[in-house]
Amino acid sequence: MLKKSLLLIFTFTNAGLILFALCLGAQNLKERHELNLGFSSTPPYPTGFLLGLSVPIGLISGGCSAGILTFSGEDKSK
């Protein structure tokens, strides 16, 4: 259980740091686009920020799935 919680803590910490660096780097970009979500659209964001969001989102989804699927080593069938 400790390994799973440490994995989740490190995953969210690293994703937060990457998102923070992405926000700092995207402040001076001039070209901004909106995303059409079907029911509404987002405010205009820089293109690099929109593309860079996939990195922390992928890190969080991969870390959470690895944390959930990690074998704990405890066999309770005995």
PDB file of N, CA and C in Angstrom:
ATOM      1  N   MET A   1       0.823  -1.190   0.000  1.00  0.00           N
ATOM      2  CA  MET A   1       0.000   0.000   0.000  1.00  0.00           C
ATOM      3  C   MET A   1       0.871   1.261   0.000  1.00  0.00           C
ATOM      4  N   LEU A   2       2.011   1.180   0.685  1.00  0.00           N
ATOM      5  CA  LEU A   2       2.907   2.322   0.759  1.00  0.00           C
ATOM      6  C   LEU A   2       3.503   2.633  -0.611  1.00  0.00           C
ATOM      7  N   LYS A   3       3.830   1.579  -1.377  1.00  0.00           N
ATOM      8  CA  LYS A   3       4.399   1.787  -2.710  1.00  0.00           C
ATOM      9  C   LYS A   3       3.386   2.456  -3.638  1.00  0.00           C
ATOM     10  N   LYS A   4       2.137   2.041  -3.521  1.00  0.00           N
ATOM     11  CA  LYS A   4       1.097   2.636  -4.359  1.00  0.00           C
ATOM     12  C   LYS A   4       0.891   4.115  -4.033  1.00  0.00           C
ATOM     13  N   SER A   5       0.854   4.430  -2.743  1.00  0.00           N
ATOM     14  CA  SER A   5       0.638   5.822  -2.370  1.00  0.00           C
ATOM     15  C   SER A   5       1.845   6.690  -2.735  1.00  0.00           C
ATOM     16  N   LEU A   6       3.061   6.159  -2.586  1.00  0.00           N
ATOM     17  CA  LEU A   6       4.245   6.908  -3.000  1.00  0.00           C
ATOM     18  C   LEU A   6       4.261   7.148  -4.499  1.00  0.00           C
ATOM     19  N   LEU A   7       3.852   6.142  -5.257  1.00  0.00           N
ATOM     20  CA  LEU A   7       3.783   6.297  -6.706  1.00  0.00           C
ATOM     21  C   LEU A   7       2.792   7.380  -7.101  1.00  0.00           C
ATOM     22  N   LEU A   8       1.648   7.403  -6.449  1.00  0.00           N
ATOM     23  CA  LEU A   8       0.647   8.430  -6.749  1.00  0.00           C
ATOM     24  C   LEU A   8       1.121   9.818  -6.323  1.00  0.00           C
ATOM     25  N   ILE A   9       1.791   9.912  -5.186  1.00  0.00           N
ATOM     26  CA  ILE A   9       2.299  11.206  -4.731  1.00  0.00           C
ATOM     27  C   ILE A   9       3.347  11.733  -5.692  1.00  0.00           C
ATOM     28  N   PHE A  10       4.297  10.888  -6.098  1.00  0.00           N
ATOM     29  CA  PHE A  10       5.332  11.309  -7.040  1.00  0.00           C
ATOM     30  C   PHE A  10       4.735  11.666  -8.401  1.00  0.00           C
ATOM     31  N   THR A  11       3.710  10.937  -8.818  1.00  0.00           N
ATOM     32  CA  THR A  11       3.072  11.211 -10.104  1.00  0.00           C
ATOM     33  C   THR A  11       2.433  12.597 -10.103  1.00  0.00           C
ATOM     34  N   PHE A  12       1.645  12.900  -9.081  1.00  0.00           N
ATOM     35  CA  PHE A  12       0.967  14.191  -9.035  1.00  0.00           C
ATOM     36  C   PHE A  12       1.946  15.340  -8.807  1.00  0.00           C
ATOM     37  N   THR A  13       3.006  15.094  -8.044  1.00  0.00           N
ATOM     38  CA  THR A  13       4.015  16.131  -7.832  1.00  0.00           C
ATOM     39  C   THR A  13       4.743  16.463  -9.125  1.00  0.00           C
ATOM     40  N   ASN A  14       5.171  15.441  -9.837  1.00  0.00           N
ATOM     41  CA  ASN A  14       5.882  15.674 -11.093  1.00  0.00           C
ATOM     42  C   ASN A  14       4.977  16.302 -12.152  1.00  0.00           C
ATOM     43  N   ALA A  15       3.744  15.864 -12.229  1.00  0.00           N
ATOM     44  CA  ALA A  15       2.813  16.454 -13.188  1.00  0.00           C
ATOM     45  C   ALA A  15       2.538  17.916 -12.842  1.00  0.00           C
ATOM     46  N   GLY A  16       2.450  18.229 -11.570  1.00  0.00           N
ATOM     47  CA  GLY A  16       2.248  19.619 -11.158  1.00  0.00           C
ATOM     48  C   GLY A  16       3.437  20.497 -11.507  1.00  0.00           C
ATOM     49  N   LEU A  17       4.650  19.973 -11.327  1.00  0.00           N
ATOM     50  CA  LEU A  17       5.844  20.742 -11.693  1.00  0.00           C
ATOM     51  C   LEU A  17       5.932  20.964 -13.198  1.00  0.00           C
ATOM     52  N   ILE A  18       5.586  19.953 -13.972  1.00  0.00           N
ATOM     53  CA  ILE A  18       5.596  20.100 -15.435  1.00  0.00           C
ATOM     54  C   ILE A  18       4.541  21.109 -15.864  1.00  0.00           C
ATOM     55  N   LEU A  19       3.368  21.060 -15.253  1.00  0.00           N
ATOM     56  CA  LEU A  19       2.309  22.014 -15.585  1.00  0.00           C
ATOM     57  C   LEU A  19       2.703  23.428 -15.194  1.00  0.00           C
ATOM     58  N   PHE A  20       3.381  23.590 -14.072  1.00  0.00           N
ATOM     59  CA  PHE A  20       3.867  24.898 -13.640  1.00  0.00           C
ATOM     60  C   PHE A  20       4.878  25.461 -14.639  1.00  0.00           C
ATOM     61  N   ALA A  21       5.826  24.636 -15.077  1.00  0.00           N
ATOM     62  CA  ALA A  21       6.812  25.079 -16.064  1.00  0.00           C
ATOM     63  C   ALA A  21       6.143  25.399 -17.395  1.00  0.00           C
ATOM     64  N   LEU A  22       5.134  24.641 -17.758  1.00  0.00           N
ATOM     65  CA  LEU A  22       4.404  24.899 -18.997  1.00  0.00           C
ATOM     66  C   LEU A  22       3.661  26.227 -18.920  1.00  0.00           C
ATOM     67  N   CYS A  23       3.071  26.526 -17.787  1.00  0.00           N
ATOM     68  CA  CYS A  23       2.364  27.802 -17.618  1.00  0.00           C
ATOM     69  C   CYS A  23       3.334  28.981 -17.679  1.00  0.00           C
ATOM     70  N   LEU A  24       4.499  28.833 -17.082  1.00  0.00           N
ATOM     71  CA  LEU A  24       5.484  29.909 -17.135  1.00  0.00           C
ATOM     72  C   LEU A  24       5.990  30.130 -18.555  1.00  0.00           C
ATOM     73  N   GLY A  25       6.205  29.059 -19.283  1.00  0.00           N
ATOM     74  CA  GLY A  25       6.742  29.176 -20.635  1.00  0.00           C
ATOM     75  C   GLY A  25       5.741  29.662 -21.654  1.00  0.00           C
ATOM     76  N   ALA A  26       4.471  29.486 -21.404  1.00  0.00           N
ATOM     77  CA  ALA A  26       3.448  29.831 -22.389  1.00  0.00           C
ATOM     78  C   ALA A  26       2.915  31.252 -22.230  1.00  0.00           C
ATOM     79  N   GLN A  27       3.455  32.039 -21.327  1.00  0.00           N
ATOM     80  CA  GLN A  27       2.896  33.362 -21.072  1.00  0.00           C
ATOM     81  C   GLN A  27       3.138  34.345 -22.220  1.00  0.00           C
ATOM     82  N   ASN A  28       4.245  34.250 -22.892  1.00  0.00           N
ATOM     83  CA  ASN A  28       4.577  35.244 -23.909  1.00  0.00           C
ATOM     84  C   ASN A  28       4.285  34.797 -25.331  1.00  0.00           C
ATOM     85  N   LEU A  29       3.548  33.732 -25.506  1.00  0.00           N
ATOM     86  CA  LEU A  29       3.220  33.278 -26.852  1.00  0.00           C
ATOM     87  C   LEU A  29       2.075  34.127 -27.405  1.00  0.00           C
ATOM     88  N   LYS A  30       2.209  34.541 -28.650  1.00  0.00           N
ATOM     89  CA  LYS A  30       1.243  35.478 -29.252  1.00  0.00           C
ATOM     90  C   LYS A  30       0.052  34.770 -29.899  1.00  0.00           C
ATOM     91  N   GLU A  31       0.291  33.650 -30.555  1.00  0.00           N
ATOM     92  CA  GLU A  31      -0.770  32.990 -31.310  1.00  0.00           C
ATOM     93  C   GLU A  31      -1.662  32.184 -30.368  1.00  0.00           C
ATOM     94  N   ARG A  32      -2.939  32.516 -30.342  1.00  0.00           N
ATOM     95  CA  ARG A  32      -3.880  31.868 -29.427  1.00  0.00           C
ATOM     96  C   ARG A  32      -5.047  31.291 -30.210  1.00  0.00           C
ATOM     97  N   HIS A  33      -5.512  30.129 -29.774  1.00  0.00           N
ATOM     98  CA  HIS A  33      -6.619  29.445 -30.426  1.00  0.00           C
ATOM     99  C   HIS A  33      -7.620  28.984 -29.379  1.00  0.00           C
ATOM    100  N   GLU A  34      -8.849  28.759 -29.829  1.00  0.00           N
ATOM    101  CA  GLU A  34      -9.901  28.234 -28.970  1.00  0.00           C
ATOM    102  C   GLU A  34     -10.153  26.783 -29.332  1.00  0.00           C
ATOM    103  N   LEU A  35     -10.559  25.993 -28.369  1.00  0.00           N
ATOM    104  CA  LEU A  35     -10.962  24.613 -28.618  1.00  0.00           C
ATOM    105  C   LEU A  35     -12.481  24.540 -28.612  1.00  0.00           C
ATOM    106  N   ASN A  36     -13.057  23.955 -29.642  1.00  0.00           N
ATOM    107  CA  ASN A  36     -14.491  23.752 -29.695  1.00  0.00           C
ATOM    108  C   ASN A  36     -14.788  22.384 -29.093  1.00  0.00           C
ATOM    109  N   LEU A  37     -15.483  22.370 -27.959  1.00  0.00           N
ATOM    110  CA  LEU A  37     -15.769  21.132 -27.245  1.00  0.00           C
ATOM    111  C   LEU A  37     -17.127  20.543 -27.596  1.00  0.00           C
ATOM    112  N   GLY A  38     -17.832  21.120 -28.514  1.00  0.00           N
ATOM    113  CA  GLY A  38     -19.144  20.631 -28.907  1.00  0.00           C
ATOM    114  C   GLY A  38     -20.260  21.383 -28.215  1.00  0.00           C
ATOM    115  N   PHE A  39     -20.227  21.452 -26.915  1.00  0.00           N
ATOM    116  CA  PHE A  39     -21.265  22.164 -26.173  1.00  0.00           C
ATOM    117  C   PHE A  39     -20.837  23.579 -25.825  1.00  0.00           C
ATOM    118  N   SER A  40     -19.551  23.872 -25.855  1.00  0.00           N
ATOM    119  CA  SER A  40     -19.037  25.221 -25.633  1.00  0.00           C
ATOM    120  C   SER A  40     -17.611  25.275 -26.161  1.00  0.00           C
ATOM    121  N   SER A  41     -16.979  26.402 -26.010  1.00  0.00           N
ATOM    122  CA  SER A  41     -15.586  26.518 -26.432  1.00  0.00           C
ATOM    123  C   SER A  41     -14.768  27.107 -25.283  1.00  0.00           C
ATOM    124  N   THR A  42     -13.491  26.844 -25.327  1.00  0.00           N
ATOM    125  CA  THR A  42     -12.601  27.320 -24.274  1.00  0.00           C
ATOM    126  C   THR A  42     -12.190  28.755 -24.567  1.00  0.00           C
ATOM    127  N   PRO A  43     -11.674  29.454 -23.574  1.00  0.00           N
ATOM    128  CA  PRO A  43     -11.074  30.762 -23.848  1.00  0.00           C
ATOM    129  C   PRO A  43      -9.836  30.583 -24.738  1.00  0.00           C
ATOM    130  N   PRO A  44      -9.390  31.630 -25.400  1.00  0.00           N
ATOM    131  CA  PRO A  44      -8.206  31.484 -26.250  1.00  0.00           C
ATOM    132  C   PRO A  44      -6.945  31.204 -25.427  1.00  0.00           C
ATOM    133  N   TYR A  45      -6.301  30.093 -25.737  1.00  0.00           N
ATOM    134  CA  TYR A  45      -5.053  29.697 -25.092  1.00  0.00           C
ATOM    135  C   TYR A  45      -3.956  29.622 -26.145  1.00  0.00           C
ATOM    136  N   PRO A  46      -2.690  29.794 -25.751  1.00  0.00           N
ATOM    137  CA  PRO A  46      -1.595  29.618 -26.707  1.00  0.00           C
ATOM    138  C   PRO A  46      -1.548  28.171 -27.216  1.00  0.00           C
ATOM    139  N   THR A  47      -1.158  28.019 -28.462  1.00  0.00           N
ATOM    140  CA  THR A  47      -1.127  26.700 -29.085  1.00  0.00           C
ATOM    141  C   THR A  47      -0.164  25.768 -28.353  1.00  0.00           C
ATOM    142  N   GLY A  48       0.981  26.268 -27.948  1.00  0.00           N
ATOM    143  CA  GLY A  48       1.944  25.439 -27.236  1.00  0.00           C
ATOM    144  C   GLY A  48       1.429  24.942 -25.898  1.00  0.00           C
ATOM    145  N   PHE A  49       0.623  25.750 -25.250  1.00  0.00           N
ATOM    146  CA  PHE A  49       0.034  25.340 -23.979  1.00  0.00           C
ATOM    147  C   PHE A  49      -0.978  24.222 -24.194  1.00  0.00           C
ATOM    148  N   LEU A  50      -1.797  24.356 -25.229  1.00  0.00           N
ATOM    149  CA  LEU A  50      -2.794  23.323 -25.508  1.00  0.00           C
ATOM    150  C   LEU A  50      -2.135  22.002 -25.868  1.00  0.00           C
ATOM    151  N   LEU A  51      -1.075  22.048 -26.640  1.00  0.00           N
ATOM    152  CA  LEU A  51      -0.370  20.821 -27.003  1.00  0.00           C
ATOM    153  C   LEU A  51       0.425  20.269 -25.821  1.00  0.00           C
ATOM    154  N   GLY A  52       0.973  21.147 -25.006  1.00  0.00           N
ATOM    155  CA  GLY A  52       1.767  20.716 -23.869  1.00  0.00           C
ATOM    156  C   GLY A  52       0.958  20.130 -22.734  1.00  0.00           C
ATOM    157  N   LEU A  53      -0.342  20.385 -22.697  1.00  0.00           N
ATOM    158  CA  LEU A  53      -1.186  19.814 -21.650  1.00  0.00           C
ATOM    159  C   LEU A  53      -1.254  18.295 -21.733  1.00  0.00           C
ATOM    160  N   SER A  54      -0.972  17.741 -22.897  1.00  0.00           N
ATOM    161  CA  SER A  54      -1.033  16.287 -23.042  1.00  0.00           C
ATOM    162  C   SER A  54       0.035  15.591 -22.208  1.00  0.00           C
ATOM    163  N   VAL A  55       1.154  16.252 -21.943  1.00  0.00           N
ATOM    164  CA  VAL A  55       2.229  15.627 -21.167  1.00  0.00           C
ATOM    165  C   VAL A  55       1.813  15.409 -19.706  1.00  0.00           C
ATOM    166  N   PRO A  56       1.372  16.437 -18.968  1.00  0.00           N
ATOM    167  CA  PRO A  56       0.957  16.149 -17.586  1.00  0.00           C
ATOM    168  C   PRO A  56      -0.301  15.285 -17.493  1.00  0.00           C
ATOM    169  N   ILE A  57      -1.209  15.412 -18.452  1.00  0.00           N
ATOM    170  CA  ILE A  57      -2.406  14.572 -18.432  1.00  0.00           C
ATOM    171  C   ILE A  57      -2.019  13.113 -18.646  1.00  0.00           C
ATOM    172  N   GLY A  58      -1.109  12.857 -19.581  1.00  0.00           N
ATOM    173  CA  GLY A  58      -0.634  11.494 -19.803  1.00  0.00           C
ATOM    174  C   GLY A  58       0.148  10.958 -18.620  1.00  0.00           C
ATOM    175  N   LEU A  59       0.926  11.817 -17.978  1.00  0.00           N
ATOM    176  CA  LEU A  59       1.685  11.400 -16.801  1.00  0.00           C
ATOM    177  C   LEU A  59       0.750  11.021 -15.660  1.00  0.00           C
ATOM    178  N   ILE A  60      -0.287  11.792 -15.455  1.00  0.00           N
ATOM    179  CA  ILE A  60      -1.241  11.493 -14.381  1.00  0.00           C
ATOM    180  C   ILE A  60      -2.014  10.216 -14.687  1.00  0.00           C
ATOM    181  N   SER A  61      -2.494  10.061 -15.918  1.00  0.00           N
ATOM    182  CA  SER A  61      -3.272   8.869 -16.235  1.00  0.00           C
ATOM    183  C   SER A  61      -2.406   7.612 -16.196  1.00  0.00           C
ATOM    184  N   GLY A  62      -1.171   7.696 -16.673  1.00  0.00           N
ATOM    185  CA  GLY A  62      -0.292   6.534 -16.617  1.00  0.00           C
ATOM    186  C   GLY A  62       0.133   6.198 -15.204  1.00  0.00           C
ATOM    187  N   GLY A  63       0.430   7.211 -14.396  1.00  0.00           N
ATOM    188  CA  GLY A  63       0.829   6.967 -13.011  1.00  0.00           C
ATOM    189  C   GLY A  63      -0.306   6.415 -12.171  1.00  0.00           C
ATOM    190  N   CYS A  64      -1.510   6.920 -12.392  1.00  0.00           N
ATOM    191  CA  CYS A  64      -2.654   6.413 -11.636  1.00  0.00           C
ATOM    192  C   CYS A  64      -2.992   4.978 -12.027  1.00  0.00           C
ATOM    193  N   SER A  65      -2.933   4.672 -13.320  1.00  0.00           N
ATOM    194  CA  SER A  65      -3.212   3.298 -13.731  1.00  0.00           C
ATOM    195  C   SER A  65      -2.124   2.351 -13.249  1.00  0.00           C
ATOM    196  N   ALA A  66      -0.870   2.790 -13.225  1.00  0.00           N
ATOM    197  CA  ALA A  66       0.201   1.948 -12.697  1.00  0.00           C
ATOM    198  C   ALA A  66       0.039   1.759 -11.194  1.00  0.00           C
ATOM    199  N   GLY A  67      -0.390   2.793 -10.496  1.00  0.00           N
ATOM    200  CA  GLY A  67      -0.611   2.680  -9.060  1.00  0.00           C
ATOM    201  C   GLY A  67      -1.768   1.760  -8.717  1.00  0.00           C
ATOM    202  N   ILE A  68      -2.791   1.770  -9.538  1.00  0.00           N
ATOM    203  CA  ILE A  68      -3.944   0.907  -9.282  1.00  0.00           C
ATOM    204  C   ILE A  68      -3.621  -0.542  -9.624  1.00  0.00           C
ATOM    205  N   LEU A  69      -2.893  -0.765 -10.713  1.00  0.00           N
ATOM    206  CA  LEU A  69      -2.630  -2.119 -11.179  1.00  0.00           C
ATOM    207  C   LEU A  69      -1.380  -2.750 -10.587  1.00  0.00           C
ATOM    208  N   THR A  70      -0.636  -2.029  -9.762  1.00  0.00           N
ATOM    209  CA  THR A  70       0.579  -2.578  -9.159  1.00  0.00           C
ATOM    210  C   THR A  70       0.219  -3.683  -8.179  1.00  0.00           C
ATOM    211  N   PHE A  71       0.923  -4.811  -8.301  1.00  0.00           N
ATOM    212  CA  PHE A  71       0.700  -5.941  -7.409  1.00  0.00           C
ATOM    213  C   PHE A  71       1.242  -5.607  -6.042  1.00  0.00           C
ATOM    214  N   SER A  72       0.454  -5.774  -5.017  1.00  0.00           N
ATOM    215  CA  SER A  72       0.870  -5.376  -3.672  1.00  0.00           C
ATOM    216  C   SER A  72       1.742  -6.414  -2.996  1.00  0.00           C
ATOM    217  N   GLY A  73       1.781  -7.645  -3.490  1.00  0.00           N
ATOM    218  CA  GLY A  73       2.621  -8.675  -2.909  1.00  0.00           C
ATOM    219  C   GLY A  73       1.951  -9.439  -1.786  1.00  0.00           C
ATOM    220  N   GLU A  74       0.766  -9.080  -1.424  1.00  0.00           N
ATOM    221  CA  GLU A  74       0.050  -9.761  -0.358  1.00  0.00           C
ATOM    222  C   GLU A  74      -0.971 -10.694  -0.978  1.00  0.00           C
ATOM    223  N   ASP A  75      -0.805 -11.982  -0.775  1.00  0.00           N
ATOM    224  CA  ASP A  75      -1.738 -12.971  -1.309  1.00  0.00           C
ATOM    225  C   ASP A  75      -2.718 -13.326  -0.203  1.00  0.00           C
ATOM    226  N   LYS A  76      -3.949 -12.895  -0.339  1.00  0.00           N
ATOM    227  CA  LYS A  76      -4.945 -13.095   0.721  1.00  0.00           C
ATOM    228  C   LYS A  76      -5.745 -14.366   0.524  1.00  0.00           C
ATOM    229  N   SER A  77      -5.416 -15.192  -0.488  1.00  0.00           N
ATOM    230  CA  SER A  77      -6.166 -16.412  -0.724  1.00  0.00           C
ATOM    231  C   SER A  77      -5.689 -17.555   0.170  1.00  0.00           C
ATOM    232  N   LYS A  78      -4.566 -17.389   0.867  1.00  0.00           N
ATOM    233  CA  LYS A  78      -4.031 -18.463   1.721  1.00  0.00           C
ATOM    234  C   LYS A  78      -4.703 -18.480   3.062  1.00  0.00           C
TER     235      LYS A  78
END
